[in-house]
């Protein structure tokens, strides 16, 4: 199955089996993934910076360039504080 050019903004996906499903040029801003199966779920080429439930995407397929996007999404989800932000106070 392929989701192509879909708007899934602020969608919550719960306990779904999206194994081997592809998302092509989709709007995934603030989409949330909870539980489910995502082995080989193809997220390549999508902006992942605002995804929620990043830990649920175990075994998903991404580009190396998207690692930084997932890190940004995870940091937001964990509500981490950056040390340099403390220096601004």
C-alpha atoms as a PDB file:
ATOM      1  CA  UNK A   1       0.000   0.000   0.000  1.00  0.00           C
ATOM      2  CA  UNK A   2       1.234   3.507  -0.787  1.00  0.00           C
ATOM      3  CA  UNK A   3       0.017   6.759   0.714  1.00  0.00           C
ATOM      4  CA  UNK A   4       0.928   9.361  -1.891  1.00  0.00           C
ATOM      5  CA  UNK A   5       0.623  13.117  -1.362  1.00  0.00           C
ATOM      6  CA  UNK A   6      -1.744  12.578   1.587  1.00  0.00           C
ATOM      7  CA  UNK A   7      -2.332  15.072   4.343  1.00  0.00           C
ATOM      8  CA  UNK A   8      -2.036  13.183   7.613  1.00  0.00           C
ATOM      9  CA  UNK A   9      -1.358  16.309   9.671  1.00  0.00           C
ATOM     10  CA  UNK A  10      -2.182  15.779  13.359  1.00  0.00           C
ATOM     11  CA  UNK A  11      -3.411  12.237  12.670  1.00  0.00           C
ATOM     12  CA  UNK A  12      -3.001   9.642  15.414  1.00  0.00           C
ATOM     13  CA  UNK A  13      -2.203   6.171  14.125  1.00  0.00           C
ATOM     14  CA  UNK A  14      -2.798   3.542  16.824  1.00  0.00           C
ATOM     15  CA  UNK A  15      -1.955  -0.145  16.888  1.00  0.00           C
ATOM     16  CA  UNK A  16      -1.815  -0.403  13.100  1.00  0.00           C
ATOM     17  CA  UNK A  17       0.183  -2.792  10.977  1.00  0.00           C
ATOM     18  CA  UNK A  18       1.913  -0.514   8.489  1.00  0.00           C
ATOM     19  CA  UNK A  19       4.656  -3.001   7.667  1.00  0.00           C
ATOM     20  CA  UNK A  20       5.956  -2.432   4.133  1.00  0.00           C
ATOM     21  CA  UNK A  21       3.609   0.540   3.629  1.00  0.00           C
ATOM     22  CA  UNK A  22       5.106   3.570   1.867  1.00  0.00           C
ATOM     23  CA  UNK A  23       4.422   7.242   2.505  1.00  0.00           C
ATOM     24  CA  UNK A  24       5.374   9.366  -0.523  1.00  0.00           C
ATOM     25  CA  UNK A  25       5.400  13.166  -0.266  1.00  0.00           C
ATOM     26  CA  UNK A  26       2.907  13.150   2.600  1.00  0.00           C
ATOM     27  CA  UNK A  27       2.233  15.914   5.109  1.00  0.00           C
ATOM     28  CA  UNK A  28       3.092  14.183   8.399  1.00  0.00           C
ATOM     29  CA  UNK A  29       3.325  17.321  10.556  1.00  0.00           C
ATOM     30  CA  UNK A  30       2.403  16.447  14.132  1.00  0.00           C
ATOM     31  CA  UNK A  31       1.284  12.950  13.105  1.00  0.00           C
ATOM     32  CA  UNK A  32       1.471  10.588  16.076  1.00  0.00           C
ATOM     33  CA  UNK A  33       2.359   6.925  15.972  1.00  0.00           C
ATOM     34  CA  UNK A  34       1.285   4.725  18.896  1.00  0.00           C
ATOM     35  CA  UNK A  35       2.081   1.025  19.140  1.00  0.00           C
ATOM     36  CA  UNK A  36       1.632  -1.025  16.018  1.00  0.00           C
ATOM     37  CA  UNK A  37       4.018  -2.635  13.554  1.00  0.00           C
ATOM     38  CA  UNK A  38       6.190  -0.530  11.275  1.00  0.00           C
ATOM     39  CA  UNK A  39       8.807  -2.958   9.922  1.00  0.00           C
ATOM     40  CA  UNK A  40       9.984  -1.587   6.552  1.00  0.00           C
ATOM     41  CA  UNK A  41       7.399   1.211   6.690  1.00  0.00           C
ATOM     42  CA  UNK A  42       8.954   3.532   4.096  1.00  0.00           C
ATOM     43  CA  UNK A  43       9.129   7.112   5.352  1.00  0.00           C
ATOM     44  CA  UNK A  44      11.918   8.209   3.002  1.00  0.00           C
ATOM     45  CA  UNK A  45      11.526  11.658   1.492  1.00  0.00           C
ATOM     46  CA  UNK A  46       9.064  12.932   4.104  1.00  0.00           C
ATOM     47  CA  UNK A  47       9.720  15.631   6.704  1.00  0.00           C
ATOM     48  CA  UNK A  48       9.889  13.831  10.060  1.00  0.00           C
ATOM     49  CA  UNK A  49      10.860  16.776  12.291  1.00  0.00           C
ATOM     50  CA  UNK A  50       7.481  17.095  14.022  1.00  0.00           C
ATOM     51  CA  UNK A  51       6.449  13.441  14.295  1.00  0.00           C
ATOM     52  CA  UNK A  52       5.249  12.250  17.680  1.00  0.00           C
ATOM     53  CA  UNK A  53       5.588   8.720  19.008  1.00  0.00           C
ATOM     54  CA  UNK A  54       8.968   8.314  17.329  1.00  0.00           C
ATOM     55  CA  UNK A  55       9.897   5.288  19.480  1.00  0.00           C
ATOM     56  CA  UNK A  56       6.949   3.375  18.020  1.00  0.00           C
ATOM     57  CA  UNK A  57       8.532   3.490  14.557  1.00  0.00           C
ATOM     58  CA  UNK A  58      10.891   0.636  15.330  1.00  0.00           C
ATOM     59  CA  UNK A  59      12.340  -0.897  12.146  1.00  0.00           C
ATOM     60  CA  UNK A  60      10.915   1.809   9.847  1.00  0.00           C
ATOM     61  CA  UNK A  61      12.831   2.699   6.684  1.00  0.00           C
ATOM     62  CA  UNK A  62      14.339   6.196   6.396  1.00  0.00           C
ATOM     63  CA  UNK A  63      17.116   8.023   4.562  1.00  0.00           C
ATOM     64  CA  UNK A  64      20.350   8.787   6.409  1.00  0.00           C
ATOM     65  CA  UNK A  65      19.535  12.485   6.040  1.00  0.00           C
ATOM     66  CA  UNK A  66      16.364  11.924   8.082  1.00  0.00           C
ATOM     67  CA  UNK A  67      18.276  10.818  11.172  1.00  0.00           C
ATOM     68  CA  UNK A  68      18.632  14.461  12.218  1.00  0.00           C
ATOM     69  CA  UNK A  69      14.899  14.984  11.670  1.00  0.00           C
ATOM     70  CA  UNK A  70      14.039  12.021  13.903  1.00  0.00           C
ATOM     71  CA  UNK A  71      16.486  13.279  16.517  1.00  0.00           C
ATOM     72  CA  UNK A  72      14.731  16.651  16.479  1.00  0.00           C
ATOM     73  CA  UNK A  73      11.326  14.972  16.833  1.00  0.00           C
ATOM     74  CA  UNK A  74      12.572  12.799  19.692  1.00  0.00           C
ATOM     75  CA  UNK A  75      14.120  15.769  21.506  1.00  0.00           C
ATOM     76  CA  UNK A  76      10.813  17.641  21.266  1.00  0.00           C
ATOM     77  CA  UNK A  77       8.913  14.601  22.492  1.00  0.00           C
ATOM     78  CA  UNK A  78      11.256  14.199  25.467  1.00  0.00           C
ATOM     79  CA  UNK A  79      11.058  17.948  26.200  1.00  0.00           C
ATOM     80  CA  UNK A  80      14.834  18.171  26.565  1.00  0.00           C
ATOM     81  CA  UNK A  81      16.513  21.471  27.365  1.00  0.00           C
ATOM     82  CA  UNK A  82      19.556  22.493  25.385  1.00  0.00           C
ATOM     83  CA  UNK A  83      22.420  23.896  27.461  1.00  0.00           C
ATOM     84  CA  UNK A  84      22.927  26.867  25.154  1.00  0.00           C
ATOM     85  CA  UNK A  85      19.280  27.839  25.734  1.00  0.00           C
ATOM     86  CA  UNK A  86      20.066  28.190  29.439  1.00  0.00           C
ATOM     87  CA  UNK A  87      22.796  30.689  28.665  1.00  0.00           C
ATOM     88  CA  UNK A  88      20.195  33.048  27.123  1.00  0.00           C
ATOM     89  CA  UNK A  89      18.446  33.604  30.487  1.00  0.00           C
END
